[in-house]
C-alpha atoms as a PDB file:
ATOM      1  CA  ILE A   1      42.595 -59.823  -6.455  1.00  0.00           C
ATOM      2  CA  VAL A   2      44.120 -59.324  -3.007  1.00  0.00           C
ATOM      3  CA  ASP A   3      46.305 -56.250  -3.510  1.00  0.00           C
ATOM      4  CA  ALA A   4      47.246 -53.574  -6.013  1.00  0.00           C
ATOM      5  CA  GLU A   5      50.315 -51.368  -6.454  1.00  0.00           C
ATOM      6  CA  LEU A   6      50.177 -48.384  -8.760  1.00  0.00           C
ATOM      7  CA  THR A   7      53.449 -46.929 -10.077  1.00  0.00           C
ATOM      8  CA  LYS A   8      54.199 -43.268  -9.408  1.00  0.00           C
ATOM      9  CA  ASP A   9      53.779 -42.354 -13.069  1.00  0.00           C
ATOM     10  CA  LEU A  10      50.372 -44.144 -13.092  1.00  0.00           C
ATOM     11  CA  GLY A  11      51.522 -46.162 -16.122  1.00  0.00           C
ATOM     12  CA  ASP A  12      51.339 -49.609 -14.571  1.00  0.00           C
ATOM     13  CA  VAL A  13      49.405 -51.314 -11.841  1.00  0.00           C
ATOM     14  CA  LYS A  14      50.465 -54.650 -10.350  1.00  0.00           C
ATOM     15  CA  LEU A  15      47.432 -56.660  -9.357  1.00  0.00           C
ATOM     16  CA  TYR A  16      48.182 -59.503  -6.971  1.00  0.00           C
ATOM     17  CA  PHE A  17      45.788 -62.434  -7.065  1.00  0.00           C
ATOM     18  CA  ASN A  18      45.348 -65.631  -5.148  1.00  0.00           C
ATOM     19  CA  CYS A  19      43.338 -68.746  -5.977  1.00  0.00           C
ATOM     20  CA  LEU A  20      41.960 -71.568  -3.912  1.00  0.00           C
ATOM     21  CA  ASP A  21      43.676 -74.230  -5.979  1.00  0.00           C
ATOM     22  CA  GLN A  22      47.434 -73.512  -6.053  1.00  0.00           C
ATOM     23  CA  ASN A  23      47.826 -75.812  -9.032  1.00  0.00           C
ATOM     24  CA  SER A  24      45.644 -73.605 -11.185  1.00  0.00           C
ATOM     25  CA  GLN A  25      47.604 -70.378 -10.729  1.00  0.00           C
ATOM     26  CA  ASP A  26      49.130 -70.557 -14.223  1.00  0.00           C
ATOM     27  CA  GLU A  27      45.721 -71.098 -15.793  1.00  0.00           C
ATOM     28  CA  VAL A  28      44.208 -68.205 -13.827  1.00  0.00           C
ATOM     29  CA  LEU A  29      47.114 -65.963 -14.857  1.00  0.00           C
ATOM     30  CA  LYS A  30      46.532 -66.787 -18.536  1.00  0.00           C
ATOM     31  CA  ILE A  31      42.822 -66.001 -18.197  1.00  0.00           C
ATOM     32  CA  LEU A  32      43.468 -62.697 -16.446  1.00  0.00           C
ATOM     33  CA  ASN A  33      46.038 -61.677 -19.049  1.00  0.00           C
ATOM     34  CA  SER A  34      43.668 -62.568 -21.883  1.00  0.00           C
ATOM     35  CA  LYS A  35      40.983 -60.346 -20.299  1.00  0.00           C
ATOM     36  CA  GLU A  36      43.198 -57.313 -19.778  1.00  0.00           C
ATOM     37  CA  LYS A  37      41.635 -55.331 -22.642  1.00  0.00           C
ATOM     38  CA  PHE A  38      38.122 -55.950 -21.294  1.00  0.00           C
ATOM     39  CA  LEU A  39      39.157 -55.027 -17.752  1.00  0.00           C
ATOM     40  CA  LYS A  40      40.877 -51.818 -18.876  1.00  0.00           C
ATOM     41  CA  LYS A  41      37.767 -50.830 -20.840  1.00  0.00           C
ATOM     42  CA  ARG A  42      35.572 -51.470 -17.781  1.00  0.00           C
ATOM     43  CA  LEU A  43      37.926 -49.498 -15.534  1.00  0.00           C
ATOM     44  CA  ALA A  44      37.811 -46.601 -17.987  1.00  0.00           C
ATOM     45  CA  GLN A  45      34.029 -46.551 -17.565  1.00  0.00           C
ATOM     46  CA  LEU A  46      34.231 -46.607 -13.756  1.00  0.00           C
ATOM     47  CA  VAL A  47      37.309 -44.571 -12.930  1.00  0.00           C
ATOM     48  CA  PRO A  48      37.759 -40.998 -14.189  1.00  0.00           C
ATOM     49  CA  MET A  49      41.376 -41.148 -15.331  1.00  0.00           C
ATOM     50  CA  ARG A  50      43.027 -39.631 -18.351  1.00  0.00           C
ATOM     51  CA  ARG A  51      44.903 -42.854 -19.037  1.00  0.00           C
ATOM     52  CA  ILE A  52      44.152 -46.311 -17.696  1.00  0.00           C
ATOM     53  CA  PRO A  53      47.358 -48.027 -16.512  1.00  0.00           C
ATOM     54  CA  HIS A  54      48.748 -51.264 -17.958  1.00  0.00           C
ATOM     55  CA  LEU A  55      47.497 -54.201 -15.855  1.00  0.00           C
ATOM     56  CA  ILE A  56      50.211 -56.591 -14.622  1.00  0.00           C
ATOM     57  CA  PHE A  57      48.888 -59.679 -12.859  1.00  0.00           C
ATOM     58  CA  LYS A  58      51.077 -61.488 -10.323  1.00  0.00           C
ATOM     59  CA  TYR A  59      50.356 -64.483  -8.102  1.00  0.00           C
ATOM     60  CA  ASP A  60      50.403 -63.559  -4.419  1.00  0.00           C
ATOM     61  CA  ASP A  61      52.225 -66.283  -2.575  1.00  0.00           C
ATOM     62  CA  SER A  62      52.011 -64.729   0.908  1.00  0.00           C
ATOM     63  CA  LEU A  63      49.232 -67.125   1.945  1.00  0.00           C
ATOM     64  CA  ASP A  64      51.373 -70.063   0.822  1.00  0.00           C
ATOM     65  CA  ASN A  65      54.288 -68.764   2.873  1.00  0.00           C
ATOM     66  CA  TYR A  66      52.017 -68.273   5.875  1.00  0.00           C
ATOM     67  CA  ASN A  67      50.795 -71.880   5.601  1.00  0.00           C
ATOM     68  CA  LYS A  68      54.385 -73.192   5.396  1.00  0.00           C
ATOM     69  CA  VAL A  69      55.494 -71.237   8.475  1.00  0.00           C
ATOM     70  CA  ASP A  70      52.360 -72.270  10.342  1.00  0.00           C
ATOM     71  CA  GLN A  71      53.007 -75.932   9.577  1.00  0.00           C
ATOM     72  CA  LEU A  72      56.654 -75.657  10.647  1.00  0.00           C
ATOM     73  CA  LEU A  73      55.570 -74.130  13.960  1.00  0.00           C
ATOM     74  CA  LYS A  74      52.988 -76.828  14.523  1.00  0.00           C
ATOM     75  CA  ASP A  75      55.559 -79.539  13.748  1.00  0.00           C
ATOM     76  CA  ALA A  76      58.070 -77.943  16.107  1.00  0.00           C
ATOM     77  CA  LEU A  77      55.569 -77.894  18.972  1.00  0.00           C
ATOM     78  CA  LYS A  78      54.725 -81.613  18.658  1.00  0.00           C
END
C-alpha cells in the first residue's frame, strides 16, 4: 500500500497499491478484495473509530508512468 485517501464522510477509503511484478496486479487486486473483511476487522481492533470505512483497492500506476517518462528522456538524450 503506497497511499490512502479517506472520503470526507469517512465512509470509504481508497488504498493505492503497487507490486513488483506489473503482470500480477489483477491477481493482487483479487487477493486484497477477498481479504477486505479480515482487514476491516483488524483495523477495528487497532483504530478507535465508530465505523470502519469501506476499503477500495486501486493499482497505483505512478511508478509505471515515472519509468516511461524516464525511459523517454534517456532515449532523447542518446
